[in-house]
Structures are given as C-alpha cells and as structure tokens.
Amino acid sequence: MAGLRIARACIKLERMRCVSYVRRMLNIVSILVGLLSLVIVIPSQIPLLGIGNWLALPLLAVGIVIGQLSSKNTGRNLNLVILAIAVIRLMLGGGVL
C-alpha cells in the first residue's frame, strides 16, 4: 500500500514538473514570436512600408496570448511594447502608410 502511495506521489510530482517546464517553454516561444515581429516592425517604420505593421499585428496577438499562458511576463511584455510601437506608427500614418 505504501509503495502505491509513493508511486502516485511520484507521478503527481512528475506531472507538476512537466507543466512547469511547458509554461517556461511558452515564455521562450512568446519571446521568439516577439523577435520575429520586431524584425517585421522595424523596417515598417520607413515611410511607404507601413503595410508590414498590419502583417505584424496578428503575430503580436499570438505572442501576447502565448505570453499570457506562460509562467513569466517577459514574452508578453515584449510583445506589448512592439504592439504599441506598431499601433502608434499605424495611427501616425493614417492606417495605410
């Protein structure tokens, strides 16, 4: 009986470690999505290339959702800052340029 309890406790502990690992990996994925979006947003700051901001917005939304699911805030915050830059640039260009 004691061996069964120990085995259940080990399985529960292993499950918790797996969830913790996945949540940390989600933060890394969110950071990578943010960096990919940053690569799109930086050239879009040049006049007449603002369409790139429209392409980056869905990526940023996905990065924010993934960052929200992770255990840390780094990825989410990175995506929020890049989103703010892209949205401000779109507002200044009237949403087109």
Protein backbone atom coordinates (compact mmCIF):
# COMPACT_ATOMS: atom_id res chain seq x y z
CA MET A 1 0.00 0.00 0.00
CA ALA A 2 2.78 2.42 0.89
CA GLY A 3 4.52 1.66 -2.39
CA LEU A 4 1.37 2.58 -4.30
CA ARG A 5 1.11 5.92 -2.47
CA ILE A 6 4.75 6.66 -3.23
CA ALA A 7 4.21 5.82 -6.90
CA ARG A 8 1.17 8.11 -7.08
CA ALA A 9 3.11 10.90 -5.39
CA CYS A 10 5.96 10.47 -7.89
CA ILE A 11 3.54 10.62 -10.83
CA LYS A 12 1.91 13.74 -9.42
CA LEU A 13 5.30 15.38 -8.87
CA GLU A 14 6.39 14.48 -12.40
CA ARG A 15 3.18 15.96 -13.83
CA MET A 16 3.80 19.21 -11.95
CA ARG A 17 7.35 19.37 -13.30
CA CYS A 18 6.07 18.82 -16.83
CA VAL A 19 3.53 21.65 -16.51
CA SER A 20 6.22 23.95 -15.12
CA TYR A 21 8.54 23.06 -17.98
CA VAL A 22 5.84 23.70 -20.59
CA ARG A 23 4.97 27.08 -19.04
CA ARG A 24 8.63 28.13 -19.19
CA MET A 25 8.87 26.99 -22.80
CA LEU A 26 5.79 29.06 -23.66
CA ASN A 27 7.67 32.14 -22.45
CA ILE A 28 10.55 31.31 -24.79
CA VAL A 29 8.13 30.78 -27.69
CA SER A 30 6.49 34.12 -26.91
CA ILE A 31 9.87 35.87 -26.95
CA LEU A 32 10.74 34.26 -30.29
CA VAL A 33 7.40 35.38 -31.78
CA GLY A 34 8.10 38.88 -30.45
CA LEU A 35 11.55 38.95 -32.02
CA LEU A 36 10.11 37.77 -35.34
CA SER A 37 7.51 40.54 -35.14
CA LEU A 38 10.24 43.05 -34.30
CA VAL A 39 12.08 42.07 -37.46
CA ILE A 40 8.90 42.91 -39.39
CA VAL A 41 8.07 46.11 -37.46
CA ILE A 42 11.49 47.80 -37.66
CA PRO A 43 11.60 48.14 -41.47
CA SER A 44 7.92 49.12 -41.40
CA GLN A 45 8.86 52.39 -39.71
CA ILE A 46 10.18 53.63 -43.06
CA PRO A 47 7.58 55.66 -44.98
CA LEU A 48 5.53 53.69 -47.54
CA LEU A 49 6.42 50.38 -45.84
CA GLY A 50 3.74 50.63 -43.13
CA ILE A 51 1.88 47.63 -44.52
CA GLY A 52 4.36 45.48 -42.61
CA ASN A 53 2.78 46.67 -39.37
CA TRP A 54 -0.51 45.13 -40.50
CA LEU A 55 1.33 41.86 -41.08
CA ALA A 56 2.93 42.02 -37.64
CA LEU A 57 -0.30 42.65 -35.70
CA PRO A 58 -1.62 39.05 -35.88
CA LEU A 59 1.80 37.70 -34.91
CA LEU A 60 1.89 40.05 -31.95
CA ALA A 61 -1.59 38.97 -30.86
CA VAL A 62 -0.47 35.33 -30.92
CA GLY A 63 2.68 36.24 -28.98
CA ILE A 64 0.64 38.06 -26.34
CA VAL A 65 -1.70 35.08 -25.88
CA ILE A 66 1.22 32.66 -25.62
CA GLY A 67 2.98 35.01 -23.20
CA GLN A 68 -0.15 35.21 -21.07
CA LEU A 69 -0.19 31.41 -20.78
CA SER A 70 3.45 31.26 -19.69
CA SER A 71 4.75 31.44 -16.13
CA LYS A 72 6.67 34.68 -16.65
CA ASN A 73 5.78 38.07 -18.09
CA THR A 74 8.85 38.74 -20.24
CA GLY A 75 7.47 37.46 -23.54
CA ARG A 76 4.09 39.09 -23.07
CA ASN A 77 5.65 42.45 -22.16
CA LEU A 78 7.98 42.33 -25.16
CA ASN A 79 5.03 41.71 -27.47
CA LEU A 80 3.01 44.50 -25.85
CA VAL A 81 5.83 47.03 -26.37
CA ILE A 82 6.25 46.03 -30.02
CA LEU A 83 2.45 46.17 -30.46
CA ALA A 84 2.42 49.71 -29.07
CA ILE A 85 5.16 50.76 -31.50
CA ALA A 86 3.31 49.23 -34.46
CA VAL A 87 -0.06 50.75 -33.50
CA ILE A 88 1.41 54.22 -32.93
CA ARG A 89 3.12 54.04 -36.33
CA LEU A 90 -0.15 52.98 -37.97
CA MET A 91 -2.03 55.85 -36.27
CA LEU A 92 0.55 58.38 -37.43
CA GLY A 93 0.35 57.08 -40.99
CA GLY A 94 -3.44 57.05 -41.04
CA GLY A 95 -3.52 53.24 -41.05
CA VAL A 96 -2.26 53.00 -44.61
CA LEU A 97 1.30 54.24 -44.92
